[in-house]
C-alpha atoms as a PDB file:
ATOM      1  CA  MET A   1     -45.213  -2.493 -19.814  1.00  0.00           C
ATOM      2  CA  ASP A   2     -44.575  -3.909 -16.353  1.00  0.00           C
ATOM      3  CA  LEU A   3     -41.311  -2.429 -15.108  1.00  0.00           C
ATOM      4  CA  GLY A   4     -41.170  -4.867 -12.185  1.00  0.00           C
ATOM      5  CA  LEU A   5     -40.787  -2.158  -9.552  1.00  0.00           C
ATOM      6  CA  ARG A   6     -43.836  -2.903  -7.408  1.00  0.00           C
ATOM      7  CA  GLY A   7     -42.761  -3.393  -3.796  1.00  0.00           C
ATOM      8  CA  LYS A   8     -39.156  -2.351  -4.451  1.00  0.00           C
ATOM      9  CA  ALA A   9     -37.407  -0.059  -1.984  1.00  0.00           C
ATOM     10  CA  VAL A  10     -36.208   3.157  -3.635  1.00  0.00           C
ATOM     11  CA  VAL A  11     -34.101   5.971  -2.182  1.00  0.00           C
ATOM     12  CA  VAL A  12     -34.039   9.391  -3.856  1.00  0.00           C
ATOM     13  CA  THR A  13     -31.888  12.237  -2.569  1.00  0.00           C
ATOM     14  CA  GLY A  14     -32.830  15.876  -3.077  1.00  0.00           C
ATOM     15  CA  ALA A  15     -36.415  14.905  -3.772  1.00  0.00           C
ATOM     16  CA  SER A  16     -38.656  17.687  -2.473  1.00  0.00           C
ATOM     17  CA  ARG A  17     -39.025  19.513  -5.804  1.00  0.00           C
ATOM     18  CA  GLY A  18     -38.098  19.463  -9.449  1.00  0.00           C
ATOM     19  CA  ILE A  19     -36.469  16.380 -10.924  1.00  0.00           C
ATOM     20  CA  GLY A  20     -36.079  14.621  -7.579  1.00  0.00           C
ATOM     21  CA  ARG A  21     -39.747  15.067  -6.718  1.00  0.00           C
ATOM     22  CA  ALA A  22     -40.832  13.860 -10.154  1.00  0.00           C
ATOM     23  CA  VAL A  23     -38.585  10.792  -9.834  1.00  0.00           C
ATOM     24  CA  ALA A  24     -39.949   9.918  -6.396  1.00  0.00           C
ATOM     25  CA  LEU A  25     -43.566  10.261  -7.576  1.00  0.00           C
ATOM     26  CA  CYS A  26     -42.910   8.239 -10.715  1.00  0.00           C
ATOM     27  CA  PHE A  27     -41.508   5.372  -8.657  1.00  0.00           C
ATOM     28  CA  ALA A  28     -44.537   5.534  -6.378  1.00  0.00           C
ATOM     29  CA  ASP A  29     -46.809   5.374  -9.423  1.00  0.00           C
ATOM     30  CA  GLU A  30     -45.033   2.117 -10.310  1.00  0.00           C
ATOM     31  CA  GLY A  31     -45.854   0.736  -6.867  1.00  0.00           C
ATOM     32  CA  ALA A  32     -42.407   1.154  -5.344  1.00  0.00           C
ATOM     33  CA  ASN A  33     -41.879   2.196  -1.735  1.00  0.00           C
ATOM     34  CA  VAL A  34     -39.897   5.422  -1.529  1.00  0.00           C
ATOM     35  CA  SER A  35     -37.517   7.105   0.889  1.00  0.00           C
ATOM     36  CA  LEU A  36     -36.617  10.691   0.154  1.00  0.00           C
ATOM     37  CA  CYS A  37     -34.633  13.494   1.670  1.00  0.00           C
ATOM     38  CA  ALA A  38     -34.138  17.224   1.228  1.00  0.00           C
ATOM     39  CA  ARG A  39     -32.864  20.145   3.265  1.00  0.00           C
ATOM     40  CA  GLY A  40     -36.225  21.908   3.646  1.00  0.00           C
ATOM     41  CA  THR A  41     -39.038  20.498   5.779  1.00  0.00           C
ATOM     42  CA  GLU A  42     -42.186  21.974   4.200  1.00  0.00           C
ATOM     43  CA  ALA A  43     -41.645  20.867   0.603  1.00  0.00           C
ATOM     44  CA  LEU A  44     -40.315  17.503   1.762  1.00  0.00           C
ATOM     45  CA  GLU A  45     -43.412  16.784   3.827  1.00  0.00           C
ATOM     46  CA  LYS A  46     -45.675  17.849   0.949  1.00  0.00           C
ATOM     47  CA  THR A  47     -43.941  15.483  -1.473  1.00  0.00           C
ATOM     48  CA  ALA A  48     -44.021  12.664   1.084  1.00  0.00           C
ATOM     49  CA  ALA A  49     -47.775  13.148   1.444  1.00  0.00           C
ATOM     50  CA  GLU A  50     -48.200  12.972  -2.341  1.00  0.00           C
ATOM     51  CA  ILE A  51     -46.276   9.702  -2.377  1.00  0.00           C
ATOM     52  CA  ALA A  52     -48.348   8.258   0.448  1.00  0.00           C
ATOM     53  CA  GLU A  53     -51.501   9.029  -1.549  1.00  0.00           C
ATOM     54  CA  ARG A  54     -50.272   6.463  -4.087  1.00  0.00           C
ATOM     55  CA  GLY A  55     -50.745   3.740  -1.474  1.00  0.00           C
ATOM     56  CA  VAL A  56     -47.069   2.894  -0.994  1.00  0.00           C
ATOM     57  CA  ARG A  57     -44.780   3.151   2.009  1.00  0.00           C
ATOM     58  CA  VAL A  58     -42.877   6.400   2.325  1.00  0.00           C
ATOM     59  CA  HIS A  59     -40.023   7.563   4.527  1.00  0.00           C
ATOM     60  CA  ALA A  60     -38.936  11.207   4.508  1.00  0.00           C
ATOM     61  CA  GLN A  61     -36.075  12.785   6.403  1.00  0.00           C
ATOM     62  CA  VAL A  62     -34.532  16.243   6.441  1.00  0.00           C
ATOM     63  CA  CYS A  63     -30.904  15.817   5.434  1.00  0.00           C
ATOM     64  CA  ASP A  64     -28.046  17.908   4.102  1.00  0.00           C
ATOM     65  CA  THR A  65     -26.390  15.276   1.928  1.00  0.00           C
ATOM     66  CA  MET A  66     -23.132  17.243   1.896  1.00  0.00           C
ATOM     67  CA  ASN A  67     -22.761  16.197   5.534  1.00  0.00           C
ATOM     68  CA  GLY A  68     -21.398  12.653   5.359  1.00  0.00           C
ATOM     69  CA  THR A  69     -22.687  11.694   8.790  1.00  0.00           C
ATOM     70  CA  ALA A  70     -26.188  13.002   8.043  1.00  0.00           C
ATOM     71  CA  LEU A  71     -26.228  11.209   4.690  1.00  0.00           C
ATOM     72  CA  ALA A  72     -25.207   7.910   6.278  1.00  0.00           C
ATOM     73  CA  ASP A  73     -27.904   8.308   8.925  1.00  0.00           C
ATOM     74  CA  PHE A  74     -30.538   8.977   6.253  1.00  0.00           C
ATOM     75  CA  LEU A  75     -29.522   5.881   4.299  1.00  0.00           C
ATOM     76  CA  ASP A  76     -29.544   3.721   7.434  1.00  0.00           C
ATOM     77  CA  SER A  77     -32.993   5.065   8.318  1.00  0.00           C
ATOM     78  CA  SER A  78     -34.216   4.419   4.781  1.00  0.00           C
ATOM     79  CA  ARG A  79     -33.113   0.804   4.942  1.00  0.00           C
ATOM     80  CA  ALA A  80     -34.747   0.348   8.331  1.00  0.00           C
ATOM     81  CA  ALA A  81     -38.014   1.945   7.175  1.00  0.00           C
ATOM     82  CA  LEU A  82     -38.293   0.120   3.853  1.00  0.00           C
ATOM     83  CA  GLY A  83     -36.543  -3.135   4.739  1.00  0.00           C
ATOM     84  CA  SER A  84     -33.897  -2.855   2.004  1.00  0.00           C
ATOM     85  CA  VAL A  85     -32.515  -0.556  -0.675  1.00  0.00           C
ATOM     86  CA  ASP A  86     -33.105  -1.893  -4.182  1.00  0.00           C
ATOM     87  CA  VAL A  87     -32.681   1.377  -6.078  1.00  0.00           C
ATOM     88  CA  LEU A  88     -30.657   4.495  -5.281  1.00  0.00           C
ATOM     89  CA  VAL A  89     -31.080   7.733  -7.204  1.00  0.00           C
ATOM     90  CA  ASN A  90     -28.354  10.273  -6.437  1.00  0.00           C
ATOM     91  CA  ASN A  91     -30.089  13.496  -7.382  1.00  0.00           C
ATOM     92  CA  ALA A  92     -28.900  16.011  -4.755  1.00  0.00           C
ATOM     93  CA  SER A  93     -26.630  18.769  -6.031  1.00  0.00           C
ATOM     94  CA  GLY A  94     -24.595  21.584  -4.552  1.00  0.00           C
ATOM     95  CA  PHE A  95     -25.351  23.782  -7.608  1.00  0.00           C
ATOM     96  CA  GLY A  96     -21.951  25.445  -7.675  1.00  0.00           C
ATOM     97  CA  GLY A  97     -22.816  27.924 -10.406  1.00  0.00           C
ATOM     98  CA  GLY A  98     -19.741  30.116 -10.472  1.00  0.00           C
ATOM     99  CA  ASP A  99     -15.980  29.877 -10.869  1.00  0.00           C
ATOM    100  CA  ASP A 100     -15.050  30.939  -7.358  1.00  0.00           C
ATOM    101  CA  GLU A 101     -13.687  28.658  -4.674  1.00  0.00           C
ATOM    102  CA  GLU A 102     -17.049  28.348  -2.916  1.00  0.00           C
ATOM    103  CA  SER A 103     -18.692  27.096  -6.110  1.00  0.00           C
ATOM    104  CA  TRP A 104     -15.965  24.505  -6.639  1.00  0.00           C
ATOM    105  CA  GLN A 105     -16.316  23.322  -3.050  1.00  0.00           C
ATOM    106  CA  LEU A 106     -20.105  23.085  -3.452  1.00  0.00           C
ATOM    107  CA  GLY A 107     -19.700  21.048  -6.619  1.00  0.00           C
ATOM    108  CA  TRP A 108     -17.248  18.653  -5.051  1.00  0.00           C
ATOM    109  CA  ALA A 109     -19.155  18.210  -1.791  1.00  0.00           C
ATOM    110  CA  GLY A 110     -22.702  18.416  -3.110  1.00  0.00           C
ATOM    111  CA  ASP A 111     -22.434  16.470  -6.352  1.00  0.00           C
ATOM    112  CA  VAL A 112     -19.351  14.271  -6.335  1.00  0.00           C
ATOM    113  CA  MET A 113     -18.889  13.196  -2.726  1.00  0.00           C
ATOM    114  CA  THR A 114     -22.588  12.690  -2.022  1.00  0.00           C
ATOM    115  CA  THR A 115     -22.717  10.325  -4.995  1.00  0.00           C
ATOM    116  CA  VAL A 116     -19.543   8.509  -3.940  1.00  0.00           C
ATOM    117  CA  ARG A 117     -20.576   8.149  -0.301  1.00  0.00           C
ATOM    118  CA  ALA A 118     -24.133   7.023  -1.000  1.00  0.00           C
ATOM    119  CA  THR A 119     -22.937   4.479  -3.566  1.00  0.00           C
ATOM    120  CA  GLN A 120     -20.345   3.052  -1.202  1.00  0.00           C
ATOM    121  CA  LYS A 121     -22.924   2.869   1.584  1.00  0.00           C
ATOM    122  CA  VAL A 122     -25.684   1.027  -0.258  1.00  0.00           C
ATOM    123  CA  ALA A 123     -23.629  -1.226  -2.539  1.00  0.00           C
ATOM    124  CA  PRO A 124     -22.957  -3.892   0.141  1.00  0.00           C
ATOM    125  CA  TRP A 125     -26.676  -3.987   0.983  1.00  0.00           C
ATOM    126  CA  MET A 126     -27.585  -4.447  -2.655  1.00  0.00           C
ATOM    127  CA  GLU A 127     -24.974  -7.153  -3.102  1.00  0.00           C
ATOM    128  CA  ALA A 128     -26.336  -9.033  -0.097  1.00  0.00           C
ATOM    129  CA  ASN A 129     -29.820  -8.849  -1.669  1.00  0.00           C
ATOM    130  CA  GLY A 130     -28.622 -10.194  -5.005  1.00  0.00           C
ATOM    131  CA  GLY A 131     -28.255  -6.893  -6.841  1.00  0.00           C
ATOM    132  CA  GLY A 132     -29.742  -3.488  -7.388  1.00  0.00           C
ATOM    133  CA  SER A 133     -29.669  -0.339  -9.475  1.00  0.00           C
ATOM    134  CA  ILE A 134     -28.033   3.049  -8.981  1.00  0.00           C
ATOM    135  CA  VAL A 135     -28.838   6.046 -11.176  1.00  0.00           C
ATOM    136  CA  ASN A 136     -26.829   9.244 -10.841  1.00  0.00           C
ATOM    137  CA  ILE A 137     -28.130  12.582 -12.100  1.00  0.00           C
ATOM    138  CA  ALA A 138     -25.540  14.547 -14.063  1.00  0.00           C
ATOM    139  CA  SER A 139     -26.166  17.248 -16.682  1.00  0.00           C
ATOM    140  CA  ILE A 140     -25.386  18.034 -20.291  1.00  0.00           C
ATOM    141  CA  ALA A 141     -23.322  20.853 -18.766  1.00  0.00           C
ATOM    142  CA  ALA A 142     -20.717  18.140 -18.227  1.00  0.00           C
ATOM    143  CA  LEU A 143     -20.590  17.601 -21.998  1.00  0.00           C
ATOM    144  CA  GLU A 144     -20.430  21.233 -23.117  1.00  0.00           C
ATOM    145  CA  GLY A 145     -18.021  24.135 -22.978  1.00  0.00           C
ATOM    146  CA  GLY A 146     -19.214  27.567 -21.986  1.00  0.00           C
ATOM    147  CA  MET A 147     -21.203  26.338 -19.002  1.00  0.00           C
ATOM    148  CA  PRO A 148     -20.664  27.272 -15.315  1.00  0.00           C
ATOM    149  CA  PRO A 149     -17.170  25.829 -14.716  1.00  0.00           C
ATOM    150  CA  ALA A 150     -17.592  24.348 -11.236  1.00  0.00           C
ATOM    151  CA  TYR A 151     -21.000  22.833 -11.960  1.00  0.00           C
ATOM    152  CA  SER A 152     -19.844  21.409 -15.287  1.00  0.00           C
ATOM    153  CA  ALA A 153     -16.732  19.854 -13.804  1.00  0.00           C
ATOM    154  CA  ALA A 154     -18.645  18.347 -10.888  1.00  0.00           C
ATOM    155  CA  LYS A 155     -21.190  16.748 -13.200  1.00  0.00           C
ATOM    156  CA  ALA A 156     -18.399  15.460 -15.454  1.00  0.00           C
ATOM    157  CA  ALA A 157     -16.896  13.822 -12.384  1.00  0.00           C
ATOM    158  CA  VAL A 158     -20.279  12.229 -11.629  1.00  0.00           C
ATOM    159  CA  ILE A 159     -20.344  10.736 -15.136  1.00  0.00           C
ATOM    160  CA  SER A 160     -16.823   9.371 -14.677  1.00  0.00           C
ATOM    161  CA  GLN A 161     -17.664   7.964 -11.252  1.00  0.00           C
ATOM    162  CA  SER A 162     -20.752   6.305 -12.687  1.00  0.00           C
ATOM    163  CA  LYS A 163     -18.775   4.504 -15.388  1.00  0.00           C
ATOM    164  CA  ASN A 164     -16.133   3.295 -12.946  1.00  0.00           C
ATOM    165  CA  ALA A 165     -18.729   2.204 -10.390  1.00  0.00           C
ATOM    166  CA  ALA A 166     -20.643   0.360 -13.116  1.00  0.00           C
ATOM    167  CA  ILE A 167     -17.563  -1.690 -13.957  1.00  0.00           C
ATOM    168  CA  ALA A 168     -16.668  -2.367 -10.327  1.00  0.00           C
ATOM    169  CA  LEU A 169     -20.173  -3.297  -9.197  1.00  0.00           C
ATOM    170  CA  ALA A 170     -21.399  -5.318 -12.192  1.00  0.00           C
ATOM    171  CA  PRO A 171     -19.954  -8.596 -10.811  1.00  0.00           C
ATOM    172  CA  LYS A 172     -22.060  -7.979  -7.705  1.00  0.00           C
ATOM    173  CA  GLY A 173     -25.282  -7.691  -9.697  1.00  0.00           C
ATOM    174  CA  ILE A 174     -25.500  -3.921  -9.348  1.00  0.00           C
ATOM    175  CA  ARG A 175     -26.158  -1.752 -12.385  1.00  0.00           C
ATOM    176  CA  VAL A 176     -24.942   1.844 -12.330  1.00  0.00           C
ATOM    177  CA  ASN A 177     -26.081   4.369 -14.909  1.00  0.00           C
ATOM    178  CA  CYS A 178     -26.180   8.110 -15.323  1.00  0.00           C
ATOM    179  CA  VAL A 179     -28.813  10.496 -16.684  1.00  0.00           C
ATOM    180  CA  ALA A 180     -27.744  13.870 -18.060  1.00  0.00           C
ATOM    181  CA  PRO A 181     -30.717  16.237 -18.333  1.00  0.00           C
ATOM    182  CA  GLY A 182     -30.695  19.326 -20.472  1.00  0.00           C
ATOM    183  CA  SER A 183     -32.481  22.534 -19.523  1.00  0.00           C
ATOM    184  CA  ILE A 184     -35.509  21.475 -17.471  1.00  0.00           C
ATOM    185  CA  ASP A 185     -38.278  23.898 -16.582  1.00  0.00           C
ATOM    186  CA  PHE A 186     -40.369  23.361 -13.450  1.00  0.00           C
ATOM    187  CA  PRO A 187     -42.091  25.699 -10.966  1.00  0.00           C
ATOM    188  CA  ASN A 188     -39.626  27.773  -8.929  1.00  0.00           C
ATOM    189  CA  GLY A 189     -36.681  26.048 -10.628  1.00  0.00           C
ATOM    190  CA  ILE A 190     -33.660  27.800 -12.117  1.00  0.00           C
ATOM    191  CA  TRP A 191     -35.174  28.092 -15.590  1.00  0.00           C
ATOM    192  CA  ASP A 192     -38.490  29.286 -14.209  1.00  0.00           C
ATOM    193  CA  GLN A 193     -36.569  32.047 -12.442  1.00  0.00           C
ATOM    194  CA  VAL A 194     -34.707  32.889 -15.644  1.00  0.00           C
ATOM    195  CA  LYS A 195     -38.011  33.003 -17.544  1.00  0.00           C
ATOM    196  CA  GLN A 196     -39.388  35.506 -15.049  1.00  0.00           C
ATOM    197  CA  GLY A 197     -36.259  37.601 -14.564  1.00  0.00           C
ATOM    198  CA  ALA A 198     -34.414  37.364 -17.882  1.00  0.00           C
ATOM    199  CA  PRO A 199     -36.899  36.340 -20.575  1.00  0.00           C
ATOM    200  CA  GLU A 200     -34.461  37.055 -23.418  1.00  0.00           C
ATOM    201  CA  ALA A 201     -31.957  34.576 -21.971  1.00  0.00           C
ATOM    202  CA  TYR A 202     -34.716  32.004 -21.537  1.00  0.00           C
ATOM    203  CA  GLU A 203     -35.850  32.448 -25.137  1.00  0.00           C
ATOM    204  CA  ALA A 204     -32.283  32.069 -26.379  1.00  0.00           C
ATOM    205  CA  VAL A 205     -32.007  28.688 -24.674  1.00  0.00           C
ATOM    206  CA  ARG A 206     -35.453  27.621 -25.821  1.00  0.00           C
ATOM    207  CA  ALA A 207     -34.544  28.512 -29.405  1.00  0.00           C
ATOM    208  CA  SER A 208     -31.391  26.367 -29.195  1.00  0.00           C
ATOM    209  CA  ILE A 209     -33.442  23.221 -28.538  1.00  0.00           C
ATOM    210  CA  PRO A 210     -34.685  21.561 -31.743  1.00  0.00           C
ATOM    211  CA  PHE A 211     -38.103  20.767 -30.225  1.00  0.00           C
ATOM    212  CA  GLY A 212     -38.614  24.443 -29.442  1.00  0.00           C
ATOM    213  CA  ARG A 213     -39.190  24.006 -25.717  1.00  0.00           C
ATOM    214  CA  LEU A 214     -37.467  23.092 -22.477  1.00  0.00           C
ATOM    215  CA  GLY A 215     -37.909  19.668 -20.941  1.00  0.00           C
ATOM    216  CA  THR A 216     -40.040  18.729 -17.952  1.00  0.00           C
ATOM    217  CA  ALA A 217     -39.045  17.042 -14.728  1.00  0.00           C
ATOM    218  CA  GLU A 218     -41.461  14.220 -15.498  1.00  0.00           C
ATOM    219  CA  GLU A 219     -39.643  13.458 -18.765  1.00  0.00           C
ATOM    220  CA  VAL A 220     -36.398  13.028 -16.856  1.00  0.00           C
ATOM    221  CA  ALA A 221     -38.154  10.926 -14.231  1.00  0.00           C
ATOM    222  CA  ASP A 222     -39.475   8.503 -16.841  1.00  0.00           C
ATOM    223  CA  ALA A 223     -35.919   7.853 -18.038  1.00  0.00           C
ATOM    224  CA  VAL A 224     -34.603   7.375 -14.504  1.00  0.00           C
ATOM    225  CA  VAL A 225     -37.339   4.921 -13.570  1.00  0.00           C
ATOM    226  CA  TYR A 226     -36.863   2.916 -16.754  1.00  0.00           C
ATOM    227  CA  LEU A 227     -33.093   2.662 -16.201  1.00  0.00           C
ATOM    228  CA  SER A 228     -33.780   1.445 -12.669  1.00  0.00           C
ATOM    229  CA  SER A 229     -36.121  -1.303 -13.805  1.00  0.00           C
ATOM    230  CA  ARG A 230     -35.648  -4.885 -14.914  1.00  0.00           C
ATOM    231  CA  ARG A 231     -36.535  -3.793 -18.453  1.00  0.00           C
ATOM    232  CA  ALA A 232     -33.110  -2.117 -18.556  1.00  0.00           C
ATOM    233  CA  SER A 233     -31.295  -5.205 -17.253  1.00  0.00           C
ATOM    234  CA  TRP A 234     -28.499  -5.042 -19.846  1.00  0.00           C
ATOM    235  CA  ILE A 235     -27.895  -1.302 -19.558  1.00  0.00           C
ATOM    236  CA  ALA A 236     -24.970  -0.449 -17.299  1.00  0.00           C
ATOM    237  CA  GLY A 237     -22.303   2.223 -17.435  1.00  0.00           C
ATOM    238  CA  ALA A 238     -24.436   4.340 -19.748  1.00  0.00           C
ATOM    239  CA  CYS A 239     -24.879   8.104 -19.705  1.00  0.00           C
ATOM    240  CA  LEU A 240     -28.312   8.856 -21.131  1.00  0.00           C
ATOM    241  CA  THR A 241     -28.919  12.425 -22.243  1.00  0.00           C
ATOM    242  CA  VAL A 242     -32.501  13.575 -21.713  1.00  0.00           C
ATOM    243  CA  ASP A 243     -32.474  16.909 -23.462  1.00  0.00           C
ATOM    244  CA  GLY A 244     -34.481  16.951 -26.686  1.00  0.00           C
ATOM    245  CA  SER A 245     -31.194  17.094 -28.663  1.00  0.00           C
ATOM    246  CA  GLN A 246     -30.103  20.276 -26.900  1.00  0.00           C
ATOM    247  CA  HIS A 247     -26.578  18.865 -26.704  1.00  0.00           C
ATOM    248  CA  LYS A 248     -25.309  18.812 -30.275  1.00  0.00           C
ATOM    249  CA  GLY A 249     -22.156  16.701 -29.865  1.00  0.00           C
ATOM    250  CA  SER A 250     -21.923  13.086 -31.015  1.00  0.00           C
ATOM    251  CA  PHE A 251     -20.704  11.976 -27.576  1.00  0.00           C
END
């Protein structure tokens, strides 16, 4: 199936490892040109080199997306390097994992405001180009009780922002959707650390998933890339769970 992404300009935040890295590589495999950012230089440069090996244009920039000025500069640089922004994937997260004030601030700044600011920045560019696609990465934590409070609330806000942005931007030819991954295992990720340090907790989560395993970053990436493509032209305002039925609720 031709997803129609060859030559498109794609921006992915928080893309040096895990889901963000897998998303960036998946777009490159489809022939899209990719701009990516992360806070760490080494992993970012390694991922950029992997993208370049696919024969597409790549732009990589160290950026703390919680800094509004730095985020705006990265997006401006991305547009200059790639010529436009056709797809934006808001993947960066503050990972506020507790219930203390710092965690709540991280969730608001790192998940909610980065998504809001990036969307507001690129939407006029997309409109001028006749449309585009924005995919925001949330989590099934937003749909469940008993999860880290600050992280869950921040991701719930991302889902709400996605729906409202989808309605506001549809007349401008811009589709906004949201992907909510379940527990995703990748090297040096949170669940990899749990597996090494608290195997009983890891096994409890694994056992709660009907397929008997955790998901992979590549499985999330496939969903993100599809939602960004012309094959998903009538999908907007959706929140797609990618979790192997880990989330048991009907909504």
